[in-house]
Amino acid sequence: MSAYPHIAEHLKTLTRIIGRGGYGGITDELETLLGRPAKTVRWALENHPRIRKPAAA
């Protein structure tokens, strides 16, 4: 991680937040904002060639 200090700092911050109970709930906020259910990561991988190509490598 020394090559990416900003990522390491972000992961440390997330660890602290999650350790204190943050990000623990599930909401419907994204669905409400979109007006439809959110797509899944699987859907993105299967339907977007720019994503699918690196994922298959």
Protein backbone atom coordinates (compact mmCIF):
# COMPACT_ATOMS: atom_id res chain seq x y z
CA MET A 1 0.00 0.00 0.00
CA SER A 2 2.99 2.33 0.24
CA ALA A 3 2.63 3.06 -3.48
CA TYR A 4 -0.95 4.25 -2.88
CA PRO A 5 -1.02 6.21 0.39
CA HIS A 6 -4.39 7.81 -0.40
CA ILE A 7 -6.00 4.36 -0.72
CA ALA A 8 -4.37 3.18 2.50
CA GLU A 9 -5.69 6.26 4.33
CA HIS A 10 -9.16 5.71 2.90
CA LEU A 11 -9.18 2.07 4.03
CA LYS A 12 -8.06 3.08 7.53
CA THR A 13 -10.87 5.63 7.70
CA LEU A 14 -13.44 3.09 6.52
CA THR A 15 -12.17 0.59 9.09
CA ARG A 16 -12.65 3.14 11.87
CA ILE A 17 -16.16 4.06 10.68
CA ILE A 18 -17.26 0.44 10.33
CA GLY A 19 -15.67 -0.42 13.70
CA ARG A 20 -17.84 2.22 15.34
CA GLY A 21 -20.96 0.77 13.74
CA GLY A 22 -21.16 3.03 10.71
CA TYR A 23 -22.46 1.75 7.39
CA GLY A 24 -24.42 -0.87 9.32
CA GLY A 25 -27.86 -0.26 7.93
CA ILE A 26 -29.58 -1.03 4.68
CA THR A 27 -31.79 1.66 3.20
CA ASP A 28 -33.85 2.18 0.09
CA GLU A 29 -32.39 5.63 -0.58
CA LEU A 30 -30.66 4.71 -3.85
CA GLU A 31 -33.80 3.05 -5.19
CA THR A 32 -35.81 6.12 -4.20
CA LEU A 33 -33.35 8.45 -5.95
CA LEU A 34 -33.20 6.30 -9.08
CA GLY A 35 -36.91 5.54 -9.20
CA ARG A 36 -36.03 1.87 -9.82
CA PRO A 37 -34.06 -0.93 -8.16
CA ALA A 38 -30.30 -0.55 -8.35
CA LYS A 39 -28.34 -2.73 -10.76
CA THR A 40 -25.97 -5.31 -9.37
CA VAL A 41 -22.23 -5.65 -9.92
CA ARG A 42 -23.00 -8.88 -11.77
CA TRP A 43 -25.32 -6.97 -14.12
CA ALA A 44 -22.58 -4.40 -14.82
CA LEU A 45 -20.00 -7.10 -15.53
CA GLU A 46 -22.35 -8.92 -17.88
CA ASN A 47 -23.63 -5.84 -19.74
CA HIS A 48 -20.76 -3.40 -20.17
CA PRO A 49 -17.96 -4.46 -22.53
CA ARG A 50 -15.47 -1.94 -21.06
CA ILE A 51 -15.88 -3.62 -17.67
CA ARG A 52 -16.28 -7.17 -18.92
CA LYS A 53 -13.05 -7.21 -20.94
CA PRO A 54 -10.65 -6.49 -17.98
CA ALA A 55 -12.69 -8.74 -15.68
CA ALA A 56 -12.24 -11.69 -18.05
CA ALA A 57 -8.45 -11.22 -18.24
